Amino acid sequence: PMTVFSGTRDVLATDSRELVRRAREAGAEVELH
């Protein structure tokens, strides 16, 4: 299980969103802020 923190003005927000999406698809428990 993981928790991800990201801001919408972060150029790396795309990577955070992709991590959350793919980890959830793989069955991981993910909390996104």
PDB file of all heavy atoms in Angstrom:
ATOM      1  N   PRO A   1       0.835  -1.198   0.000  1.00  0.00           N
ATOM      2  CA  PRO A   1       0.000   0.000   0.000  1.00  0.00           C
ATOM      3  C   PRO A   1       0.875   1.255   0.000  1.00  0.00           C
ATOM      4  O   PRO A   1       1.957   1.273   0.598  1.00  0.00           O
ATOM      5  CB  PRO A   1      -0.791  -0.103   1.309  1.00  0.00           C
ATOM      6  CG  PRO A   1      -0.817  -1.560   1.612  1.00  0.00           C
ATOM      7  CD  PRO A   1       0.504  -2.089   1.119  1.00  0.00           C
ATOM      8  N   MET A   2       0.408   2.284  -0.695  1.00  0.00           N
ATOM      9  CA  MET A   2       1.202   3.515  -0.766  1.00  0.00           C
ATOM     10  C   MET A   2       0.301   4.735  -0.740  1.00  0.00           C
ATOM     11  O   MET A   2      -0.892   4.649  -1.036  1.00  0.00           O
ATOM     12  CB  MET A   2       2.076   3.522  -2.015  1.00  0.00           C
ATOM     13  CG  MET A   2       1.315   3.661  -3.310  1.00  0.00           C
ATOM     14  SD  MET A   2       2.385   3.713  -4.748  1.00  0.00           S
ATOM     15  CE  MET A   2       2.444   1.967  -5.122  1.00  0.00           C
ATOM     16  N   THR A   3       0.902   5.852  -0.383  1.00  0.00           N
ATOM     17  CA  THR A   3       0.241   7.141  -0.385  1.00  0.00           C
ATOM     18  C   THR A   3       1.062   8.068  -1.256  1.00  0.00           C
ATOM     19  O   THR A   3       2.280   8.143  -1.112  1.00  0.00           O
ATOM     20  CB  THR A   3       0.125   7.701   1.043  1.00  0.00           C
ATOM     21  OG1 THR A   3      -0.560   6.739   1.847  1.00  0.00           O
ATOM     22  CG2 THR A   3      -0.636   9.008   1.068  1.00  0.00           C
ATOM     23  N   VAL A   4       0.392   8.770  -2.170  1.00  0.00           N
ATOM     24  CA  VAL A   4       1.053   9.648  -3.129  1.00  0.00           C
ATOM     25  C   VAL A   4       0.535  11.061  -2.930  1.00  0.00           C
ATOM     26  O   VAL A   4      -0.678  11.283  -2.844  1.00  0.00           O
ATOM     27  CB  VAL A   4       0.771   9.182  -4.579  1.00  0.00           C
ATOM     28  CG1 VAL A   4       1.384  10.130  -5.586  1.00  0.00           C
ATOM     29  CG2 VAL A   4       1.269   7.753  -4.785  1.00  0.00           C
ATOM     30  N   PHE A   5       1.461  12.016  -2.847  1.00  0.00           N
ATOM     31  CA  PHE A   5       1.128  13.427  -2.732  1.00  0.00           C
ATOM     32  C   PHE A   5       1.631  14.134  -3.982  1.00  0.00           C
ATOM     33  O   PHE A   5       2.781  13.957  -4.378  1.00  0.00           O
ATOM     34  CB  PHE A   5       1.803  14.044  -1.500  1.00  0.00           C
ATOM     35  CG  PHE A   5       1.336  13.462  -0.206  1.00  0.00           C
ATOM     36  CD1 PHE A   5       1.955  12.347   0.344  1.00  0.00           C
ATOM     37  CD2 PHE A   5       0.266  14.015   0.478  1.00  0.00           C
ATOM     38  CE1 PHE A   5       1.530  11.792   1.535  1.00  0.00           C
ATOM     39  CE2 PHE A   5      -0.178  13.473   1.675  1.00  0.00           C
ATOM     40  CZ  PHE A   5       0.450  12.368   2.210  1.00  0.00           C
ATOM     41  N   SER A   6       0.763  14.946  -4.597  1.00  0.00           N
ATOM     42  CA  SER A   6       1.146  15.666  -5.809  1.00  0.00           C
ATOM     43  C   SER A   6       0.361  16.956  -5.886  1.00  0.00           C
ATOM     44  O   SER A   6      -0.766  17.045  -5.406  1.00  0.00           O
ATOM     45  CB  SER A   6       0.843  14.806  -7.037  1.00  0.00           C
ATOM     46  OG  SER A   6       1.227  15.470  -8.219  1.00  0.00           O
ATOM     47  N   GLY A   7       0.973  17.948  -6.503  1.00  0.00           N
ATOM     48  CA  GLY A   7       0.287  19.204  -6.774  1.00  0.00           C
ATOM     49  C   GLY A   7      -0.026  19.302  -8.248  1.00  0.00           C
ATOM     50  O   GLY A   7       0.687  18.734  -9.086  1.00  0.00           O
ATOM     51  N   THR A   8      -1.062  20.030  -8.596  1.00  0.00           N
ATOM     52  CA  THR A   8      -1.452  20.134 -10.003  1.00  0.00           C
ATOM     53  C   THR A   8      -0.536  21.053 -10.804  1.00  0.00           C
ATOM     54  O   THR A   8      -0.609  21.071 -12.027  1.00  0.00           O
ATOM     55  CB  THR A   8      -2.902  20.632 -10.148  1.00  0.00           C
ATOM     56  OG1 THR A   8      -3.014  21.934  -9.558  1.00  0.00           O
ATOM     57  CG2 THR A   8      -3.885  19.659  -9.501  1.00  0.00           C
ATOM     58  N   ARG A   9       0.351  21.801 -10.136  1.00  0.00           N
ATOM     59  CA  ARG A   9       1.321  22.644 -10.844  1.00  0.00           C
ATOM     60  C   ARG A   9       2.707  22.002 -10.827  1.00  0.00           C
ATOM     61  O   ARG A   9       3.712  22.677 -10.982  1.00  0.00           O
ATOM     62  CB  ARG A   9       1.378  24.036 -10.222  1.00  0.00           C
ATOM     63  CG  ARG A   9       0.131  24.854 -10.505  1.00  0.00           C
ATOM     64  CD  ARG A   9       0.194  26.216  -9.890  1.00  0.00           C
ATOM     65  NE  ARG A   9       1.296  27.005 -10.432  1.00  0.00           N
ATOM     66  CZ  ARG A   9       1.765  28.099  -9.851  1.00  0.00           C
ATOM     67  NH1 ARG A   9       1.238  28.529  -8.720  1.00  0.00           N
ATOM     68  NH2 ARG A   9       2.763  28.768 -10.402  1.00  0.00           N
ATOM     69  N   ASP A  10       2.749  20.720 -10.647  1.00  0.00           N
ATOM     70  CA  ASP A  10       3.993  19.943 -10.631  1.00  0.00           C
ATOM     71  C   ASP A  10       4.137  19.262 -11.987  1.00  0.00           C
ATOM     72  O   ASP A  10       3.264  18.489 -12.384  1.00  0.00           O
ATOM     73  CB  ASP A  10       3.927  18.914  -9.507  1.00  0.00           C
ATOM     74  CG  ASP A  10       5.139  18.019  -9.400  1.00  0.00           C
ATOM     75  OD1 ASP A  10       6.069  18.131 -10.225  1.00  0.00           O
ATOM     76  OD2 ASP A  10       5.149  17.194  -8.475  1.00  0.00           O
ATOM     77  N   VAL A  11       5.227  19.543 -12.692  1.00  0.00           N
ATOM     78  CA  VAL A  11       5.441  18.917 -14.000  1.00  0.00           C
ATOM     79  C   VAL A  11       5.442  17.392 -13.888  1.00  0.00           C
ATOM     80  O   VAL A  11       5.122  16.697 -14.845  1.00  0.00           O
ATOM     81  CB  VAL A  11       6.742  19.454 -14.660  1.00  0.00           C
ATOM     82  CG1 VAL A  11       7.978  18.936 -13.968  1.00  0.00           C
ATOM     83  CG2 VAL A  11       6.779  19.132 -16.135  1.00  0.00           C
ATOM     84  N   LEU A  12       5.721  16.874 -12.702  1.00  0.00           N
ATOM     85  CA  LEU A  12       5.731  15.424 -12.489  1.00  0.00           C
ATOM     86  C   LEU A  12       4.377  14.867 -12.041  1.00  0.00           C
ATOM     87  O   LEU A  12       4.273  13.671 -11.749  1.00  0.00           O
ATOM     88  CB  LEU A  12       6.821  15.049 -11.487  1.00  0.00           C
ATOM     89  CG  LEU A  12       8.247  15.410 -11.928  1.00  0.00           C
ATOM     90  CD1 LEU A  12       9.250  15.094 -10.836  1.00  0.00           C
ATOM     91  CD2 LEU A  12       8.597  14.697 -13.220  1.00  0.00           C
ATOM     92  N   ALA A  13       3.347  15.701 -12.003  1.00  0.00           N
ATOM     93  CA  ALA A  13       2.015  15.210 -11.633  1.00  0.00           C
ATOM     94  C   ALA A  13       1.558  14.106 -12.578  1.00  0.00           C
ATOM     95  O   ALA A  13       0.852  13.179 -12.168  1.00  0.00           O
ATOM     96  CB  ALA A  13       1.007  16.360 -11.627  1.00  0.00           C
ATOM     97  N   THR A  14       1.982  14.186 -13.826  1.00  0.00           N
ATOM     98  CA  THR A  14       1.621  13.141 -14.789  1.00  0.00           C
ATOM     99  C   THR A  14       2.135  11.785 -14.337  1.00  0.00           C
ATOM    100  O   THR A  14       1.431  10.780 -14.442  1.00  0.00           O
ATOM    101  CB  THR A  14       2.186  13.461 -16.176  1.00  0.00           C
ATOM    102  OG1 THR A  14       3.601  13.634 -16.066  1.00  0.00           O
ATOM    103  CG2 THR A  14       1.559  14.718 -16.755  1.00  0.00           C
ATOM    104  N   ASP A  15       3.358  11.761 -13.839  1.00  0.00           N
ATOM    105  CA  ASP A  15       3.937  10.506 -13.367  1.00  0.00           C
ATOM    106  C   ASP A  15       3.207  10.002 -12.123  1.00  0.00           C
ATOM    107  O   ASP A  15       2.987   8.803 -11.962  1.00  0.00           O
ATOM    108  CB  ASP A  15       5.424  10.669 -13.065  1.00  0.00           C
ATOM    109  CG  ASP A  15       6.276  10.778 -14.311  1.00  0.00           C
ATOM    110  OD1 ASP A  15       5.723  10.747 -15.435  1.00  0.00           O
ATOM    111  OD2 ASP A  15       7.508  10.901 -14.175  1.00  0.00           O
ATOM    112  N   SER A  16       2.843  10.911 -11.238  1.00  0.00           N
ATOM    113  CA  SER A  16       2.097  10.507 -10.039  1.00  0.00           C
ATOM    114  C   SER A  16       0.769   9.882 -10.426  1.00  0.00           C
ATOM    115  O   SER A  16       0.387   8.829  -9.900  1.00  0.00           O
ATOM    116  CB  SER A  16       1.860  11.715  -9.131  1.00  0.00           C
ATOM    117  OG  SER A  16       3.071  12.217  -8.642  1.00  0.00           O
ATOM    118  N   ARG A  17       0.055  10.526 -11.342  1.00  0.00           N
ATOM    119  CA  ARG A  17      -1.242   9.996 -11.779  1.00  0.00           C
ATOM    120  C   ARG A  17      -1.082   8.635 -12.456  1.00  0.00           C
ATOM    121  O   ARG A  17      -1.883   7.720 -12.241  1.00  0.00           O
ATOM    122  CB  ARG A  17      -1.910  10.967 -12.736  1.00  0.00           C
ATOM    123  CG  ARG A  17      -2.331  12.260 -12.074  1.00  0.00           C
ATOM    124  CD  ARG A  17      -2.853  13.246 -13.096  1.00  0.00           C
ATOM    125  NE  ARG A  17      -2.963  14.568 -12.507  1.00  0.00           N
ATOM    126  CZ  ARG A  17      -2.630  15.686 -13.138  1.00  0.00           C
ATOM    127  NH1 ARG A  17      -2.194  15.645 -14.386  1.00  0.00           N
ATOM    128  NH2 ARG A  17      -2.745  16.845 -12.537  1.00  0.00           N
ATOM    129  N   GLU A  18      -0.045   8.515 -13.279  1.00  0.00           N
ATOM    130  CA  GLU A  18       0.192   7.240 -13.976  1.00  0.00           C
ATOM    131  C   GLU A  18       0.563   6.141 -12.974  1.00  0.00           C
ATOM    132  O   GLU A  18       0.110   5.003 -13.098  1.00  0.00           O
ATOM    133  CB  GLU A  18       1.293   7.414 -15.023  1.00  0.00           C
ATOM    134  CG  GLU A  18       1.543   6.196 -15.873  1.00  0.00           C
ATOM    135  CD  GLU A  18       0.418   5.857 -16.829  1.00  0.00           C
ATOM    136  OE1 GLU A  18      -0.536   6.647 -16.977  1.00  0.00           O
ATOM    137  OE2 GLU A  18       0.477   4.768 -17.441  1.00  0.00           O
ATOM    138  N   LEU A  19       1.378   6.471 -11.997  1.00  0.00           N
ATOM    139  CA  LEU A  19       1.723   5.499 -10.962  1.00  0.00           C
ATOM    140  C   LEU A  19       0.467   5.019 -10.248  1.00  0.00           C
ATOM    141  O   LEU A  19       0.259   3.814 -10.082  1.00  0.00           O
ATOM    142  CB  LEU A  19       2.692   6.113  -9.948  1.00  0.00           C
ATOM    143  CG  LEU A  19       2.943   5.268  -8.698  1.00  0.00           C
ATOM    144  CD1 LEU A  19       3.698   3.999  -9.050  1.00  0.00           C
ATOM    145  CD2 LEU A  19       3.675   6.085  -7.645  1.00  0.00           C
ATOM    146  N   VAL A  20      -0.366   5.945  -9.841  1.00  0.00           N
ATOM    147  CA  VAL A  20      -1.593   5.589  -9.123  1.00  0.00           C
ATOM    148  C   VAL A  20      -2.482   4.711 -10.006  1.00  0.00           C
ATOM    149  O   VAL A  20      -2.964   3.663  -9.565  1.00  0.00           O
ATOM    150  CB  VAL A  20      -2.338   6.861  -8.663  1.00  0.00           C
ATOM    151  CG1 VAL A  20      -3.739   6.530  -8.167  1.00  0.00           C
ATOM    152  CG2 VAL A  20      -1.532   7.578  -7.587  1.00  0.00           C
ATOM    153  N   ARG A  21      -2.692   5.109 -11.232  1.00  0.00           N
ATOM    154  CA  ARG A  21      -3.543   4.343 -12.149  1.00  0.00           C
ATOM    155  C   ARG A  21      -3.017   2.927 -12.353  1.00  0.00           C
ATOM    156  O   ARG A  21      -3.739   1.943 -12.175  1.00  0.00           O
ATOM    157  CB  ARG A  21      -3.637   5.061 -13.494  1.00  0.00           C
ATOM    158  CG  ARG A  21      -4.582   4.369 -14.484  1.00  0.00           C
ATOM    159  CD  ARG A  21      -4.539   5.019 -15.865  1.00  0.00           C
ATOM    160  NE  ARG A  21      -3.281   4.794 -16.558  1.00  0.00           N
ATOM    161  CZ  ARG A  21      -2.916   3.640 -17.136  1.00  0.00           C
ATOM    162  NH1 ARG A  21      -3.712   2.593 -17.081  1.00  0.00           N
ATOM    163  NH2 ARG A  21      -1.757   3.533 -17.758  1.00  0.00           N
ATOM    164  N   ARG A  22      -1.749   2.816 -12.677  1.00  0.00           N
ATOM    165  CA  ARG A  22      -1.175   1.497 -12.984  1.00  0.00           C
ATOM    166  C   ARG A  22      -1.052   0.633 -11.744  1.00  0.00           C
ATOM    167  O   ARG A  22      -1.251  -0.581 -11.804  1.00  0.00           O
ATOM    168  CB  ARG A  22       0.176   1.671 -13.679  1.00  0.00           C
ATOM    169  CG  ARG A  22      -0.012   2.218 -15.097  1.00  0.00           C
ATOM    170  CD  ARG A  22       1.187   2.075 -15.990  1.00  0.00           C
ATOM    171  NE  ARG A  22       1.828   0.794 -15.875  1.00  0.00           N
ATOM    172  CZ  ARG A  22       3.154   0.641 -15.734  1.00  0.00           C
ATOM    173  NH1 ARG A  22       3.961   1.679 -15.709  1.00  0.00           N
ATOM    174  NH2 ARG A  22       3.668  -0.563 -15.633  1.00  0.00           N
ATOM    175  N   ALA A  23      -0.701   1.237 -10.607  1.00  0.00           N
ATOM    176  CA  ALA A  23      -0.592   0.447  -9.372  1.00  0.00           C
ATOM    177  C   ALA A  23      -1.956  -0.095  -8.970  1.00  0.00           C
ATOM    178  O   ALA A  23      -2.071  -1.257  -8.577  1.00  0.00           O
ATOM    179  CB  ALA A  23       0.004   1.302  -8.259  1.00  0.00           C
ATOM    180  N   ARG A  24      -2.987   0.718  -9.103  1.00  0.00           N
ATOM    181  CA  ARG A  24      -4.336   0.236  -8.782  1.00  0.00           C
ATOM    182  C   ARG A  24      -4.746  -0.889  -9.725  1.00  0.00           C
ATOM    183  O   ARG A  24      -5.334  -1.881  -9.294  1.00  0.00           O
ATOM    184  CB  ARG A  24      -5.339   1.384  -8.844  1.00  0.00           C
ATOM    185  CG  ARG A  24      -5.250   2.305  -7.645  1.00  0.00           C
ATOM    186  CD  ARG A  24      -6.209   3.467  -7.751  1.00  0.00           C
ATOM    187  NE  ARG A  24      -6.176   4.300  -6.544  1.00  0.00           N
ATOM    188  CZ  ARG A  24      -6.632   5.539  -6.485  1.00  0.00           C
ATOM    189  NH1 ARG A  24      -7.188   6.103  -7.553  1.00  0.00           N
ATOM    190  NH2 ARG A  24      -6.544   6.223  -5.355  1.00  0.00           N
ATOM    191  N   GLU A  25      -4.455  -0.728 -11.019  1.00  0.00           N
ATOM    192  CA  GLU A  25      -4.760  -1.789 -11.985  1.00  0.00           C
ATOM    193  C   GLU A  25      -4.047  -3.088 -11.628  1.00  0.00           C
ATOM    194  O   GLU A  25      -4.559  -4.170 -11.885  1.00  0.00           O
ATOM    195  CB  GLU A  25      -4.348  -1.366 -13.393  1.00  0.00           C
ATOM    196  CG  GLU A  25      -5.289  -0.394 -14.048  1.00  0.00           C
ATOM    197  CD  GLU A  25      -4.824   0.029 -15.434  1.00  0.00           C
ATOM    198  OE1 GLU A  25      -3.741  -0.425 -15.899  1.00  0.00           O
ATOM    199  OE2 GLU A  25      -5.540   0.820 -16.066  1.00  0.00           O
ATOM    200  N   ALA A  26      -2.852  -2.971 -11.028  1.00  0.00           N
ATOM    201  CA  ALA A  26      -2.074  -4.146 -10.650  1.00  0.00           C
ATOM    202  C   ALA A  26      -2.503  -4.703  -9.292  1.00  0.00           C
ATOM    203  O   ALA A  26      -1.928  -5.681  -8.815  1.00  0.00           O
ATOM    204  CB  ALA A  26      -0.587  -3.801 -10.624  1.00  0.00           C
ATOM    205  N   GLY A  27      -3.505  -4.066  -8.664  1.00  0.00           N
ATOM    206  CA  GLY A  27      -4.036  -4.577  -7.414  1.00  0.00           C
ATOM    207  C   GLY A  27      -3.517  -3.922  -6.158  1.00  0.00           C
ATOM    208  O   GLY A  27      -3.850  -4.350  -5.055  1.00  0.00           O
ATOM    209  N   ALA A  28      -2.710  -2.883  -6.289  1.00  0.00           N
ATOM    210  CA  ALA A  28      -2.176  -2.204  -5.105  1.00  0.00           C
ATOM    211  C   ALA A  28      -3.209  -1.245  -4.518  1.00  0.00           C
ATOM    212  O   ALA A  28      -4.035  -0.683  -5.234  1.00  0.00           O
ATOM    213  CB  ALA A  28      -0.909  -1.433  -5.459  1.00  0.00           C
ATOM    214  N   GLU A  29      -3.122  -1.079  -3.224  1.00  0.00           N
ATOM    215  CA  GLU A  29      -3.948  -0.096  -2.525  1.00  0.00           C
ATOM    216  C   GLU A  29      -3.191   1.233  -2.565  1.00  0.00           C
ATOM    217  O   GLU A  29      -2.048   1.311  -2.095  1.00  0.00           O
ATOM    218  CB  GLU A  29      -4.160  -0.545  -1.083  1.00  0.00           C
ATOM    219  CG  GLU A  29      -4.953   0.405  -0.233  1.00  0.00           C
ATOM    220  CD  GLU A  29      -5.012  -0.052   1.216  1.00  0.00           C
ATOM    221  OE1 GLU A  29      -5.050  -1.277   1.456  1.00  0.00           O
ATOM    222  OE2 GLU A  29      -4.992   0.818   2.098  1.00  0.00           O
ATOM    223  N   VAL A  30      -3.810   2.262  -3.139  1.00  0.00           N
ATOM    224  CA  VAL A  30      -3.137   3.550  -3.298  1.00  0.00           C
ATOM    225  C   VAL A  30      -4.052   4.677  -2.842  1.00  0.00           C
ATOM    226  O   VAL A  30      -5.210   4.755  -3.248  1.00  0.00           O
ATOM    227  CB  VAL A  30      -2.722   3.812  -4.767  1.00  0.00           C
ATOM    228  CG1 VAL A  30      -1.935   5.108  -4.879  1.00  0.00           C
ATOM    229  CG2 VAL A  30      -1.928   2.653  -5.331  1.00  0.00           C
ATOM    230  N   GLU A  31      -3.504   5.537  -2.012  1.00  0.00           N
ATOM    231  CA  GLU A  31      -4.200   6.736  -1.547  1.00  0.00           C
ATOM    232  C   GLU A  31      -3.547   7.916  -2.270  1.00  0.00           C
ATOM    233  O   GLU A  31      -2.331   8.103  -2.177  1.00  0.00           O
ATOM    234  CB  GLU A  31      -4.015   6.844  -0.035  1.00  0.00           C
ATOM    235  CG  GLU A  31      -4.626   8.036   0.626  1.00  0.00           C
ATOM    236  CD  GLU A  31      -4.331   8.049   2.130  1.00  0.00           C
ATOM    237  OE1 GLU A  31      -4.201   6.973   2.745  1.00  0.00           O
ATOM    238  OE2 GLU A  31      -4.207   9.156   2.663  1.00  0.00           O
ATOM    239  N   LEU A  32      -4.329   8.700  -2.979  1.00  0.00           N
ATOM    240  CA  LEU A  32      -3.794   9.842  -3.723  1.00  0.00           C
ATOM    241  C   LEU A  32      -4.292  11.138  -3.110  1.00  0.00           C
ATOM    242  O   LEU A  32      -5.482  11.310  -2.871  1.00  0.00           O
ATOM    243  CB  LEU A  32      -4.221   9.782  -5.196  1.00  0.00           C
ATOM    244  CG  LEU A  32      -3.882  11.012  -6.046  1.00  0.00           C
ATOM    245  CD1 LEU A  32      -2.366  11.220  -6.147  1.00  0.00           C
ATOM    246  CD2 LEU A  32      -4.516  10.911  -7.421  1.00  0.00           C
ATOM    247  N   HIS A  33      -3.341  12.053  -2.893  1.00  0.00           N
ATOM    248  CA  HIS A  33      -3.661  13.419  -2.461  1.00  0.00           C
ATOM    249  C   HIS A  33      -3.092  14.340  -3.532  1.00  0.00           C
ATOM    250  O   HIS A  33      -1.878  14.517  -3.621  1.00  0.00           O
ATOM    251  CB  HIS A  33      -2.993  13.734  -1.115  1.00  0.00           C
ATOM    252  CG  HIS A  33      -3.446  12.845  -0.010  1.00  0.00           C
ATOM    253  ND1 HIS A  33      -4.492  13.173   0.822  1.00  0.00           N
ATOM    254  CD2 HIS A  33      -3.010  11.630   0.385  1.00  0.00           C
ATOM    255  CE1 HIS A  33      -4.668  12.191   1.691  1.00  0.00           C
ATOM    256  NE2 HIS A  33      -3.781  11.243   1.448  1.00  0.00           N
TER     257      HIS A  33
END
